Amino acid sequence: MATEKAFLEIEGGERVPCLFNPAQFTVARSNEWAADRLPGKGVPTLRYAGAQSGWLRMELFFDTTHDGSPVTRYTGRIMGLMDVDLTLPGTDETTNNARPPYVTFHWGDLHSFKAVVSDLKLAFTYFSSSGVPLRATLSVTLRQYEPSHAFGPQNPTSGTPRPHRVHRVQPGETLDRIAARYYGDSTRWRSLAEANGIADPLDLRAGRLLSVPRIES
């Protein structure tokens, strides 16, 4: 079975594929606590002041060197998620009531909360001889849009994906040797590259932790 590809689902159902799965992503939440500080008093007792929206942060890698097409065909769609969409339900131009769409990150059986793109940084890292961008790294932060149980306790009857193994790269190791070790097939190195966002399989530093997806025949 091929490695599951991650994608962003835009409000309305459109999908934006991630050409390479992220090597990792971070999810965080925080609660607000307040206290009344008084002169001459010690440490005050905190009172709960409400929850804040969670966020998900990840780095996505895009590469179109295989066909020479501009990498912006993918990155531009994600950049556009920060723009106001006047076609969304509830939009009223007369009162300036409009917003960008919400998105959901999907990767196999994992689904994030509905979120908006709150922060984005795009770096083009490789170009054709005529100046066409062919490779890019995009750092994106998704801010939780509404209450959700995503990333919380899972229903044991719903099924969970088989966990990835982790491998620490040893000096002199290559992706094909690692693939041969875990899969018994050195040609599976592309699965490792995609799962870890590795653009250059020859640039593999010793000590790096690799996610090794379980691939079933």
N, C-alpha and C. Protein backbone atom coordinates (compact mmCIF):
# COMPACT_ATOMS: atom_id res chain seq x y z
N MET A 1 0.84 -1.18 0.00
CA MET A 1 0.00 0.00 0.00
C MET A 1 0.88 1.24 0.00
N ALA A 2 0.56 2.22 -0.82
CA ALA A 2 1.36 3.42 -0.93
C ALA A 2 1.21 4.28 0.32
N THR A 3 2.22 5.11 0.58
CA THR A 3 2.16 6.00 1.72
C THR A 3 1.03 7.00 1.56
N GLU A 4 0.26 7.22 2.63
CA GLU A 4 -0.84 8.19 2.58
C GLU A 4 -0.28 9.59 2.36
N LYS A 5 -0.93 10.35 1.47
CA LYS A 5 -0.52 11.72 1.19
C LYS A 5 -1.35 12.69 2.01
N ALA A 6 -0.70 13.64 2.64
CA ALA A 6 -1.40 14.66 3.40
C ALA A 6 -1.99 15.71 2.45
N PHE A 7 -3.06 16.37 2.91
CA PHE A 7 -3.64 17.44 2.11
C PHE A 7 -4.42 18.39 3.01
N LEU A 8 -4.66 19.58 2.50
CA LEU A 8 -5.49 20.56 3.17
C LEU A 8 -6.85 20.58 2.48
N GLU A 9 -7.91 20.44 3.26
CA GLU A 9 -9.26 20.53 2.71
C GLU A 9 -9.81 21.92 3.00
N ILE A 10 -10.14 22.65 1.94
CA ILE A 10 -10.64 24.01 2.07
C ILE A 10 -12.14 23.98 2.28
N GLU A 11 -12.65 24.93 3.04
CA GLU A 11 -14.09 25.07 3.23
C GLU A 11 -14.79 25.01 1.87
N GLY A 12 -15.73 24.08 1.73
CA GLY A 12 -16.39 23.87 0.45
C GLY A 12 -15.98 22.57 -0.20
N GLY A 13 -14.84 21.96 0.27
CA GLY A 13 -14.47 20.64 -0.22
C GLY A 13 -13.25 20.57 -1.12
N GLU A 14 -12.74 21.69 -1.62
CA GLU A 14 -11.55 21.64 -2.47
C GLU A 14 -10.35 21.16 -1.67
N ARG A 15 -9.46 20.40 -2.33
CA ARG A 15 -8.27 19.87 -1.67
C ARG A 15 -7.00 20.46 -2.26
N VAL A 16 -6.06 20.77 -1.39
CA VAL A 16 -4.74 21.22 -1.80
C VAL A 16 -3.74 20.16 -1.36
N PRO A 17 -3.13 19.42 -2.28
CA PRO A 17 -2.23 18.33 -1.87
C PRO A 17 -0.91 18.83 -1.32
N CYS A 18 -0.36 18.08 -0.38
CA CYS A 18 1.01 18.29 0.09
C CYS A 18 1.89 17.34 -0.72
N LEU A 19 2.77 17.87 -1.56
CA LEU A 19 3.58 17.01 -2.43
C LEU A 19 4.44 16.05 -1.60
N PHE A 20 4.91 16.52 -0.44
CA PHE A 20 5.67 15.68 0.49
C PHE A 20 5.03 15.80 1.85
N ASN A 21 4.88 14.68 2.54
CA ASN A 21 4.31 14.73 3.88
C ASN A 21 5.26 15.45 4.83
N PRO A 22 4.72 16.20 5.80
CA PRO A 22 5.60 16.89 6.74
C PRO A 22 6.38 15.90 7.60
N ALA A 23 7.61 16.26 7.95
CA ALA A 23 8.42 15.42 8.82
C ALA A 23 7.86 15.41 10.23
N GLN A 24 7.23 16.51 10.62
CA GLN A 24 6.59 16.61 11.93
C GLN A 24 5.66 17.81 11.92
N PHE A 25 4.77 17.86 12.88
CA PHE A 25 3.99 19.08 13.10
C PHE A 25 3.72 19.22 14.59
N THR A 26 3.43 20.44 15.01
CA THR A 26 3.25 20.74 16.42
C THR A 26 1.84 21.24 16.66
N VAL A 27 1.20 20.73 17.70
CA VAL A 27 -0.13 21.17 18.11
C VAL A 27 -0.02 21.73 19.52
N ALA A 28 -0.69 22.85 19.77
CA ALA A 28 -0.63 23.45 21.10
C ALA A 28 -1.98 24.06 21.48
N ARG A 29 -2.23 24.09 22.77
CA ARG A 29 -3.40 24.75 23.34
C ARG A 29 -2.96 25.52 24.57
N SER A 30 -3.76 26.50 24.97
CA SER A 30 -3.46 27.21 26.21
C SER A 30 -4.74 27.74 26.82
N ASN A 31 -4.76 27.84 28.15
CA ASN A 31 -5.86 28.42 28.90
C ASN A 31 -5.41 29.74 29.52
N GLU A 32 -6.36 30.63 29.69
CA GLU A 32 -6.07 31.92 30.30
C GLU A 32 -6.40 31.86 31.80
N TRP A 33 -5.47 32.27 32.62
CA TRP A 33 -5.67 32.33 34.08
C TRP A 33 -5.34 33.74 34.55
N ALA A 34 -6.15 34.25 35.46
CA ALA A 34 -5.95 35.62 35.95
C ALA A 34 -5.91 35.62 37.47
N ALA A 35 -5.40 36.73 38.03
CA ALA A 35 -5.31 36.86 39.48
C ALA A 35 -5.38 38.33 39.87
N ASP A 36 -5.90 38.59 41.03
CA ASP A 36 -5.95 39.95 41.57
C ASP A 36 -4.78 40.12 42.53
N ARG A 37 -3.82 40.93 42.14
CA ARG A 37 -2.65 41.16 42.99
C ARG A 37 -2.89 42.38 43.87
N LEU A 38 -2.63 42.23 45.14
CA LEU A 38 -2.86 43.30 46.09
C LEU A 38 -1.57 43.63 46.82
N PRO A 39 -1.29 44.93 47.06
CA PRO A 39 -0.08 45.31 47.81
C PRO A 39 -0.09 44.68 49.21
N GLY A 40 1.04 44.18 49.59
CA GLY A 40 1.18 43.62 50.93
C GLY A 40 0.68 42.19 51.05
N LYS A 41 0.21 41.61 49.96
CA LYS A 41 -0.29 40.24 49.99
C LYS A 41 0.69 39.31 49.28
N GLY A 42 0.54 38.03 49.56
CA GLY A 42 1.41 37.04 48.94
C GLY A 42 0.89 36.61 47.57
N VAL A 43 1.24 35.39 47.22
CA VAL A 43 0.84 34.86 45.91
C VAL A 43 -0.68 34.73 45.86
N PRO A 44 -1.31 35.33 44.85
CA PRO A 44 -2.77 35.27 44.77
C PRO A 44 -3.26 33.93 44.22
N THR A 45 -4.53 33.66 44.45
CA THR A 45 -5.16 32.48 43.88
C THR A 45 -5.63 32.77 42.46
N LEU A 46 -5.29 31.88 41.56
CA LEU A 46 -5.68 32.08 40.17
C LEU A 46 -7.15 31.74 39.95
N ARG A 47 -7.76 32.40 39.00
CA ARG A 47 -9.11 32.05 38.57
C ARG A 47 -9.10 31.82 37.07
N TYR A 48 -9.86 30.86 36.66
CA TYR A 48 -9.92 30.49 35.24
C TYR A 48 -10.61 31.59 34.45
N ALA A 49 -9.96 32.05 33.38
CA ALA A 49 -10.49 33.16 32.58
C ALA A 49 -10.85 32.74 31.16
N GLY A 50 -10.87 31.44 30.91
CA GLY A 50 -11.30 30.98 29.59
C GLY A 50 -10.21 30.31 28.79
N ALA A 51 -10.64 29.59 27.75
CA ALA A 51 -9.71 28.88 26.88
C ALA A 51 -9.35 29.72 25.66
N GLN A 52 -8.18 29.48 25.13
CA GLN A 52 -7.76 30.11 23.89
C GLN A 52 -7.77 29.08 22.76
N SER A 53 -7.85 29.57 21.55
CA SER A 53 -7.86 28.67 20.40
C SER A 53 -6.55 27.90 20.31
N GLY A 54 -6.64 26.62 19.92
CA GLY A 54 -5.43 25.85 19.69
C GLY A 54 -4.81 26.22 18.35
N TRP A 55 -3.61 25.73 18.13
CA TRP A 55 -2.98 25.98 16.84
C TRP A 55 -2.13 24.78 16.43
N LEU A 56 -1.95 24.67 15.14
CA LEU A 56 -1.14 23.61 14.53
C LEU A 56 -0.10 24.28 13.64
N ARG A 57 1.16 23.91 13.82
CA ARG A 57 2.24 24.53 13.05
C ARG A 57 3.05 23.43 12.36
N MET A 58 3.33 23.64 11.08
CA MET A 58 4.10 22.65 10.33
C MET A 58 4.85 23.32 9.19
N GLU A 59 5.79 22.56 8.63
CA GLU A 59 6.58 23.02 7.49
C GLU A 59 6.34 22.07 6.33
N LEU A 60 5.94 22.62 5.20
CA LEU A 60 5.64 21.82 4.02
C LEU A 60 6.68 22.07 2.94
N PHE A 61 7.02 21.02 2.23
CA PHE A 61 8.03 21.10 1.17
C PHE A 61 7.37 20.82 -0.18
N PHE A 62 7.71 21.65 -1.17
CA PHE A 62 7.15 21.50 -2.52
C PHE A 62 8.28 21.49 -3.54
N ASP A 63 8.19 20.57 -4.51
CA ASP A 63 9.24 20.43 -5.52
C ASP A 63 8.60 20.03 -6.83
N THR A 64 8.84 20.81 -7.89
CA THR A 64 8.30 20.50 -9.22
C THR A 64 9.42 20.37 -10.25
N THR A 65 10.63 20.00 -9.78
CA THR A 65 11.74 19.86 -10.71
C THR A 65 11.52 18.71 -11.70
N HIS A 66 10.62 17.76 -11.36
CA HIS A 66 10.40 16.62 -12.25
C HIS A 66 9.70 17.01 -13.54
N ASP A 67 8.90 18.10 -13.51
CA ASP A 67 8.21 18.50 -14.75
C ASP A 67 8.49 19.95 -15.15
N GLY A 68 9.21 20.70 -14.31
CA GLY A 68 9.59 22.06 -14.67
C GLY A 68 8.48 23.09 -14.52
N SER A 69 7.34 22.69 -13.98
CA SER A 69 6.25 23.65 -13.81
C SER A 69 6.52 24.53 -12.58
N PRO A 70 5.99 25.74 -12.55
CA PRO A 70 6.23 26.62 -11.40
C PRO A 70 5.67 26.02 -10.12
N VAL A 71 6.46 26.03 -9.06
CA VAL A 71 6.01 25.47 -7.79
C VAL A 71 4.88 26.32 -7.19
N THR A 72 4.72 27.54 -7.71
CA THR A 72 3.66 28.43 -7.21
C THR A 72 2.27 27.90 -7.53
N ARG A 73 2.15 26.94 -8.41
CA ARG A 73 0.84 26.36 -8.69
C ARG A 73 0.28 25.69 -7.43
N TYR A 74 1.17 25.28 -6.51
CA TYR A 74 0.76 24.68 -5.24
C TYR A 74 0.83 25.70 -4.10
N THR A 75 1.96 26.39 -4.00
CA THR A 75 2.13 27.32 -2.88
C THR A 75 1.16 28.50 -2.98
N GLY A 76 0.84 28.90 -4.21
CA GLY A 76 -0.06 30.03 -4.38
C GLY A 76 -1.46 29.74 -3.85
N ARG A 77 -1.88 28.48 -3.95
CA ARG A 77 -3.21 28.12 -3.45
C ARG A 77 -3.26 28.22 -1.93
N ILE A 78 -2.15 27.89 -1.27
CA ILE A 78 -2.11 28.00 0.18
C ILE A 78 -1.99 29.46 0.60
N MET A 79 -1.19 30.24 -0.13
CA MET A 79 -1.11 31.67 0.15
C MET A 79 -2.49 32.32 0.05
N GLY A 80 -3.28 31.86 -0.91
CA GLY A 80 -4.60 32.43 -1.13
C GLY A 80 -5.58 32.16 0.00
N LEU A 81 -5.25 31.23 0.89
CA LEU A 81 -6.14 30.92 2.00
C LEU A 81 -6.17 32.03 3.05
N MET A 82 -5.30 33.03 2.90
CA MET A 82 -5.32 34.16 3.81
C MET A 82 -6.14 35.32 3.25
N ASP A 83 -6.66 35.17 2.04
CA ASP A 83 -7.45 36.22 1.40
C ASP A 83 -8.93 36.06 1.72
N VAL A 84 -9.63 37.18 1.79
CA VAL A 84 -11.08 37.16 2.01
C VAL A 84 -11.77 36.51 0.82
N ASP A 85 -12.73 35.63 1.11
CA ASP A 85 -13.50 34.94 0.08
C ASP A 85 -14.95 35.42 0.16
N LEU A 86 -15.36 36.20 -0.81
CA LEU A 86 -16.70 36.79 -0.78
C LEU A 86 -17.80 35.80 -1.14
N THR A 87 -17.42 34.57 -1.53
CA THR A 87 -18.43 33.57 -1.88
C THR A 87 -18.86 32.73 -0.68
N LEU A 88 -18.22 32.92 0.47
CA LEU A 88 -18.53 32.09 1.63
C LEU A 88 -19.89 32.47 2.23
N PRO A 89 -20.56 31.50 2.85
CA PRO A 89 -21.85 31.78 3.49
C PRO A 89 -21.71 32.86 4.57
N GLY A 90 -22.71 33.72 4.66
CA GLY A 90 -22.71 34.76 5.68
C GLY A 90 -22.02 36.05 5.26
N THR A 91 -21.43 36.07 4.06
CA THR A 91 -20.75 37.28 3.60
C THR A 91 -21.74 38.39 3.31
N ASP A 92 -21.45 39.58 3.80
CA ASP A 92 -22.28 40.75 3.54
C ASP A 92 -21.34 41.93 3.29
N GLU A 93 -21.16 42.28 2.03
CA GLU A 93 -20.22 43.34 1.67
C GLU A 93 -20.66 44.69 2.19
N THR A 94 -21.96 44.88 2.37
CA THR A 94 -22.44 46.19 2.83
C THR A 94 -22.02 46.48 4.26
N THR A 95 -21.80 45.44 5.05
CA THR A 95 -21.36 45.61 6.44
C THR A 95 -19.92 45.16 6.64
N ASN A 96 -19.21 44.90 5.53
CA ASN A 96 -17.83 44.41 5.59
C ASN A 96 -17.72 43.12 6.39
N ASN A 97 -18.76 42.31 6.34
CA ASN A 97 -18.75 41.03 7.04
C ASN A 97 -18.26 39.96 6.06
N ALA A 98 -16.97 39.75 6.05
CA ALA A 98 -16.36 38.76 5.16
C ALA A 98 -15.11 38.21 5.82
N ARG A 99 -14.67 37.05 5.37
CA ARG A 99 -13.53 36.37 6.01
C ARG A 99 -12.86 35.43 5.02
N PRO A 100 -11.62 35.00 5.31
CA PRO A 100 -11.00 33.91 4.56
C PRO A 100 -11.67 32.59 4.92
N PRO A 101 -11.46 31.53 4.13
CA PRO A 101 -12.07 30.23 4.43
C PRO A 101 -11.34 29.51 5.55
N TYR A 102 -12.02 28.57 6.18
CA TYR A 102 -11.34 27.68 7.12
C TYR A 102 -10.83 26.46 6.37
N VAL A 103 -9.87 25.77 6.94
CA VAL A 103 -9.28 24.58 6.33
C VAL A 103 -9.16 23.48 7.38
N THR A 104 -8.99 22.25 6.92
CA THR A 104 -8.75 21.10 7.79
C THR A 104 -7.57 20.33 7.22
N PHE A 105 -6.60 20.01 8.07
CA PHE A 105 -5.44 19.22 7.65
C PHE A 105 -5.76 17.74 7.81
N HIS A 106 -5.52 16.96 6.74
CA HIS A 106 -5.78 15.53 6.75
C HIS A 106 -4.49 14.78 6.42
N TRP A 107 -4.28 13.69 7.13
CA TRP A 107 -3.15 12.80 6.80
C TRP A 107 -3.57 11.40 7.22
N GLY A 108 -4.00 10.61 6.27
CA GLY A 108 -4.49 9.27 6.59
C GLY A 108 -5.72 9.37 7.48
N ASP A 109 -5.68 8.69 8.64
CA ASP A 109 -6.78 8.71 9.58
C ASP A 109 -6.75 9.91 10.51
N LEU A 110 -5.76 10.78 10.37
CA LEU A 110 -5.65 11.94 11.23
C LEU A 110 -6.33 13.14 10.57
N HIS A 111 -7.16 13.82 11.35
CA HIS A 111 -7.86 15.01 10.86
C HIS A 111 -7.74 16.09 11.93
N SER A 112 -7.31 17.28 11.54
CA SER A 112 -7.16 18.36 12.49
C SER A 112 -8.50 19.03 12.77
N PHE A 113 -8.50 19.97 13.69
CA PHE A 113 -9.67 20.82 13.88
C PHE A 113 -9.82 21.75 12.67
N LYS A 114 -11.03 22.27 12.48
CA LYS A 114 -11.21 23.32 11.48
C LYS A 114 -10.38 24.51 11.92
N ALA A 115 -9.66 25.12 10.97
CA ALA A 115 -8.72 26.17 11.34
C ALA A 115 -8.61 27.21 10.24
N VAL A 116 -8.09 28.36 10.59
CA VAL A 116 -7.77 29.39 9.60
C VAL A 116 -6.26 29.55 9.55
N VAL A 117 -5.75 29.97 8.41
CA VAL A 117 -4.32 30.21 8.27
C VAL A 117 -4.02 31.56 8.93
N SER A 118 -3.33 31.52 10.07
CA SER A 118 -3.06 32.76 10.79
C SER A 118 -1.68 33.32 10.51
N ASP A 119 -0.77 32.47 10.06
CA ASP A 119 0.60 32.93 9.83
C ASP A 119 1.23 32.05 8.77
N LEU A 120 1.99 32.66 7.87
CA LEU A 120 2.56 31.89 6.76
C LEU A 120 3.86 32.54 6.32
N LYS A 121 4.87 31.69 6.07
CA LYS A 121 6.15 32.18 5.55
C LYS A 121 6.61 31.24 4.44
N LEU A 122 6.89 31.81 3.28
CA LEU A 122 7.24 31.02 2.09
C LEU A 122 8.64 31.38 1.62
N ALA A 123 9.47 30.35 1.42
CA ALA A 123 10.82 30.55 0.93
C ALA A 123 11.03 29.74 -0.34
N PHE A 124 11.37 30.41 -1.45
CA PHE A 124 11.72 29.71 -2.69
C PHE A 124 13.20 29.39 -2.64
N THR A 125 13.55 28.12 -2.85
CA THR A 125 14.93 27.68 -2.63
C THR A 125 15.64 27.16 -3.87
N TYR A 126 14.92 27.03 -5.00
CA TYR A 126 15.57 26.54 -6.22
C TYR A 126 14.81 27.07 -7.42
N PHE A 127 15.56 27.48 -8.46
CA PHE A 127 14.95 28.09 -9.64
C PHE A 127 15.52 27.47 -10.91
N SER A 128 14.74 27.55 -11.99
CA SER A 128 15.25 27.13 -13.29
C SER A 128 16.17 28.22 -13.83
N SER A 129 16.85 27.92 -14.93
CA SER A 129 17.77 28.89 -15.51
C SER A 129 17.06 30.16 -15.98
N SER A 130 15.74 30.06 -16.21
CA SER A 130 14.97 31.23 -16.64
C SER A 130 14.27 31.92 -15.47
N GLY A 131 14.55 31.47 -14.24
CA GLY A 131 14.01 32.14 -13.06
C GLY A 131 12.68 31.60 -12.56
N VAL A 132 12.23 30.46 -13.07
CA VAL A 132 10.98 29.86 -12.61
C VAL A 132 11.23 29.16 -11.27
N PRO A 133 10.48 29.48 -10.22
CA PRO A 133 10.68 28.79 -8.93
C PRO A 133 10.21 27.34 -9.01
N LEU A 134 11.10 26.41 -8.64
CA LEU A 134 10.81 24.98 -8.75
C LEU A 134 10.80 24.26 -7.40
N ARG A 135 11.25 24.92 -6.37
CA ARG A 135 11.32 24.27 -5.06
C ARG A 135 11.04 25.33 -3.99
N ALA A 136 10.26 24.95 -2.98
CA ALA A 136 9.89 25.93 -1.95
C ALA A 136 9.62 25.23 -0.63
N THR A 137 9.84 25.96 0.44
CA THR A 137 9.49 25.51 1.78
C THR A 137 8.50 26.51 2.36
N LEU A 138 7.42 25.99 2.90
CA LEU A 138 6.35 26.84 3.39
C LEU A 138 6.06 26.51 4.85
N SER A 139 6.25 27.50 5.73
CA SER A 139 5.94 27.35 7.15
C SER A 139 4.57 27.96 7.40
N VAL A 140 3.66 27.18 7.96
CA VAL A 140 2.29 27.64 8.11
C VAL A 140 1.78 27.35 9.52
N THR A 141 1.02 28.28 10.07
CA THR A 141 0.36 28.10 11.36
C THR A 141 -1.14 28.14 11.14
N LEU A 142 -1.84 27.09 11.58
CA LEU A 142 -3.29 27.01 11.50
C LEU A 142 -3.88 27.27 12.88
N ARG A 143 -4.78 28.23 12.98
CA ARG A 143 -5.41 28.59 14.25
C ARG A 143 -6.81 28.00 14.31
N GLN A 144 -7.14 27.34 15.42
CA GLN A 144 -8.42 26.66 15.58
C GLN A 144 -9.58 27.63 15.36
N TYR A 145 -10.56 27.20 14.54
CA TYR A 145 -11.67 28.06 14.14
C TYR A 145 -12.89 27.91 15.04
N GLU A 146 -13.13 26.72 15.57
CA GLU A 146 -14.31 26.46 16.38
C GLU A 146 -14.01 25.32 17.35
N PRO A 147 -14.86 25.09 18.36
CA PRO A 147 -14.62 23.99 19.31
C PRO A 147 -14.47 22.65 18.58
N SER A 148 -13.57 21.82 19.08
CA SER A 148 -13.27 20.56 18.40
C SER A 148 -12.65 19.58 19.37
N HIS A 149 -12.83 18.29 19.09
CA HIS A 149 -12.20 17.23 19.87
C HIS A 149 -10.99 16.64 19.14
N ALA A 150 -10.56 17.29 18.05
CA ALA A 150 -9.40 16.80 17.31
C ALA A 150 -8.17 16.77 18.21
N PHE A 151 -7.36 15.74 18.06
CA PHE A 151 -6.13 15.51 18.82
C PHE A 151 -6.42 15.17 20.28
N GLY A 152 -7.69 14.95 20.63
CA GLY A 152 -8.02 14.55 21.98
C GLY A 152 -8.05 13.04 22.08
N PRO A 153 -8.62 12.48 23.18
CA PRO A 153 -8.73 11.03 23.33
C PRO A 153 -9.50 10.42 22.16
N GLN A 154 -9.01 9.30 21.64
CA GLN A 154 -9.63 8.65 20.50
C GLN A 154 -10.58 7.56 20.96
N ASN A 155 -11.66 7.39 20.23
CA ASN A 155 -12.60 6.31 20.47
C ASN A 155 -11.94 5.00 20.07
N PRO A 156 -11.71 4.08 21.00
CA PRO A 156 -10.98 2.85 20.64
C PRO A 156 -11.70 2.01 19.60
N THR A 157 -13.00 2.22 19.40
CA THR A 157 -13.72 1.43 18.41
C THR A 157 -13.61 2.02 17.03
N SER A 158 -13.05 3.23 16.93
CA SER A 158 -13.01 3.89 15.62
C SER A 158 -11.81 3.46 14.81
N GLY A 159 -10.81 2.85 15.45
CA GLY A 159 -9.61 2.43 14.73
C GLY A 159 -8.60 3.56 14.67
N THR A 160 -7.34 3.22 14.78
CA THR A 160 -6.28 4.22 14.73
C THR A 160 -5.22 3.74 13.75
N PRO A 161 -4.50 4.70 13.12
CA PRO A 161 -3.48 4.31 12.17
C PRO A 161 -2.32 3.62 12.86
N ARG A 162 -1.65 2.73 12.16
CA ARG A 162 -0.49 2.07 12.72
C ARG A 162 0.62 3.09 12.88
N PRO A 163 1.26 3.13 14.04
CA PRO A 163 2.25 4.18 14.29
C PRO A 163 3.48 4.02 13.42
N HIS A 164 4.11 5.16 13.12
CA HIS A 164 5.37 5.14 12.39
C HIS A 164 6.51 4.77 13.34
N ARG A 165 7.50 4.09 12.80
CA ARG A 165 8.70 3.85 13.57
C ARG A 165 9.65 5.02 13.36
N VAL A 166 10.66 5.11 14.23
CA VAL A 166 11.63 6.19 14.13
C VAL A 166 13.02 5.59 14.05
N HIS A 167 13.82 6.13 13.15
CA HIS A 167 15.19 5.63 12.96
C HIS A 167 16.16 6.81 13.05
N ARG A 168 17.22 6.65 13.83
CA ARG A 168 18.26 7.67 13.89
C ARG A 168 19.36 7.32 12.89
N VAL A 169 19.65 8.23 11.99
CA VAL A 169 20.62 8.00 10.92
C VAL A 169 22.02 7.85 11.50
N GLN A 170 22.69 6.79 11.09
CA GLN A 170 24.06 6.52 11.53
C GLN A 170 25.05 7.04 10.48
N PRO A 171 26.27 7.33 10.87
CA PRO A 171 27.27 7.81 9.90
C PRO A 171 27.42 6.85 8.73
N GLY A 172 27.38 7.40 7.53
CA GLY A 172 27.55 6.60 6.32
C GLY A 172 26.28 5.96 5.79
N GLU A 173 25.17 6.03 6.53
CA GLU A 173 23.92 5.42 6.07
C GLU A 173 23.30 6.22 4.94
N THR A 174 22.61 5.51 4.06
CA THR A 174 21.88 6.14 2.96
C THR A 174 20.42 5.70 3.04
N LEU A 175 19.54 6.42 2.33
CA LEU A 175 18.13 6.09 2.37
C LEU A 175 17.85 4.69 1.85
N ASP A 176 18.56 4.28 0.79
CA ASP A 176 18.29 2.95 0.25
C ASP A 176 18.70 1.85 1.21
N ARG A 177 19.78 2.08 1.98
CA ARG A 177 20.18 1.08 2.97
C ARG A 177 19.17 1.00 4.11
N ILE A 178 18.65 2.17 4.52
CA ILE A 178 17.64 2.19 5.58
C ILE A 178 16.36 1.51 5.10
N ALA A 179 15.99 1.77 3.84
CA ALA A 179 14.79 1.13 3.28
C ALA A 179 14.96 -0.38 3.23
N ALA A 180 16.15 -0.83 2.86
CA ALA A 180 16.41 -2.26 2.80
C ALA A 180 16.30 -2.89 4.19
N ARG A 181 16.71 -2.15 5.22
CA ARG A 181 16.67 -2.66 6.59
C ARG A 181 15.23 -2.85 7.07
N TYR A 182 14.37 -1.86 6.79
CA TYR A 182 13.01 -1.90 7.34
C TYR A 182 12.00 -2.57 6.41
N TYR A 183 12.22 -2.45 5.11
CA TYR A 183 11.26 -2.98 4.15
C TYR A 183 11.75 -4.21 3.40
N GLY A 184 13.07 -4.50 3.51
CA GLY A 184 13.63 -5.58 2.73
C GLY A 184 13.70 -5.26 1.26
N ASP A 185 13.62 -3.96 0.92
CA ASP A 185 13.60 -3.52 -0.47
C ASP A 185 14.21 -2.13 -0.54
N SER A 186 15.41 -2.03 -1.09
CA SER A 186 16.12 -0.74 -1.12
C SER A 186 15.42 0.28 -2.01
N THR A 187 14.59 -0.18 -2.95
CA THR A 187 13.91 0.76 -3.84
C THR A 187 12.78 1.52 -3.14
N ARG A 188 12.50 1.16 -1.89
CA ARG A 188 11.46 1.85 -1.13
C ARG A 188 11.97 3.16 -0.52
N TRP A 189 13.16 3.59 -0.90
CA TRP A 189 13.73 4.79 -0.30
C TRP A 189 12.88 6.02 -0.56
N ARG A 190 12.12 6.02 -1.65
CA ARG A 190 11.27 7.18 -1.95
C ARG A 190 10.19 7.37 -0.89
N SER A 191 9.71 6.26 -0.32
CA SER A 191 8.71 6.36 0.74
C SER A 191 9.29 7.09 1.96
N LEU A 192 10.56 6.80 2.26
CA LEU A 192 11.22 7.48 3.36
C LEU A 192 11.42 8.97 3.04
N ALA A 193 11.80 9.25 1.80
CA ALA A 193 12.02 10.65 1.41
C ALA A 193 10.74 11.45 1.51
N GLU A 194 9.64 10.89 1.02
CA GLU A 194 8.36 11.61 1.05
C GLU A 194 7.86 11.80 2.48
N ALA A 195 8.00 10.77 3.30
CA ALA A 195 7.51 10.86 4.68
C ALA A 195 8.28 11.86 5.52
N ASN A 196 9.51 12.18 5.11
CA ASN A 196 10.35 13.07 5.92
C ASN A 196 10.69 14.38 5.21
N GLY A 197 10.07 14.62 4.05
CA GLY A 197 10.31 15.87 3.35
C GLY A 197 11.74 16.05 2.91
N ILE A 198 12.37 14.96 2.47
CA ILE A 198 13.78 15.01 2.05
C ILE A 198 13.84 15.26 0.55
N ALA A 199 14.41 16.41 0.17
CA ALA A 199 14.50 16.77 -1.25
C ALA A 199 15.72 16.12 -1.91
N ASP A 200 16.82 16.07 -1.18
CA ASP A 200 18.07 15.52 -1.72
C ASP A 200 18.45 14.28 -0.90
N PRO A 201 18.23 13.08 -1.45
CA PRO A 201 18.53 11.86 -0.68
C PRO A 201 20.01 11.69 -0.35
N LEU A 202 20.88 12.44 -1.03
CA LEU A 202 22.31 12.34 -0.74
C LEU A 202 22.71 13.22 0.43
N ASP A 203 21.83 14.17 0.78
CA ASP A 203 22.13 15.07 1.89
C ASP A 203 21.44 14.55 3.15
N LEU A 204 21.98 13.47 3.69
CA LEU A 204 21.39 12.82 4.86
C LEU A 204 22.39 12.90 6.00
N ARG A 205 22.07 13.72 6.98
CA ARG A 205 23.01 13.98 8.07
C ARG A 205 22.90 12.92 9.16
N ALA A 206 24.05 12.48 9.66
CA ALA A 206 24.06 11.54 10.77
C ALA A 206 23.42 12.17 12.00
N GLY A 207 22.64 11.38 12.72
CA GLY A 207 21.96 11.87 13.92
C GLY A 207 20.54 12.30 13.68
N ARG A 208 20.14 12.48 12.41
CA ARG A 208 18.77 12.91 12.13
C ARG A 208 17.79 11.78 12.43
N LEU A 209 16.64 12.14 12.97
CA LEU A 209 15.58 11.17 13.23
C LEU A 209 14.66 11.09 12.02
N LEU A 210 14.45 9.89 11.52
CA LEU A 210 13.57 9.67 10.38
C LEU A 210 12.31 8.93 10.82
N SER A 211 11.17 9.38 10.30
CA SER A 211 9.93 8.65 10.48
C SER A 211 9.90 7.54 9.44
N VAL A 212 9.65 6.31 9.88
CA VAL A 212 9.64 5.17 8.97
C VAL A 212 8.20 4.64 8.90
N PRO A 213 7.45 5.04 7.89
CA PRO A 213 6.04 4.60 7.80
C PRO A 213 5.95 3.11 7.56
N ARG A 214 4.92 2.52 8.11
CA ARG A 214 4.67 1.11 7.90
C ARG A 214 3.91 0.94 6.60
N ILE A 215 4.47 0.20 5.68
CA ILE A 215 3.86 -0.01 4.38
C ILE A 215 3.47 -1.47 4.25
N GLU A 216 2.19 -1.69 4.04
CA GLU A 216 1.69 -3.06 3.91
C GLU A 216 1.54 -3.41 2.44
N SER A 217 1.89 -4.61 2.11
CA SER A 217 1.77 -5.05 0.72
C SER A 217 0.30 -5.28 0.38
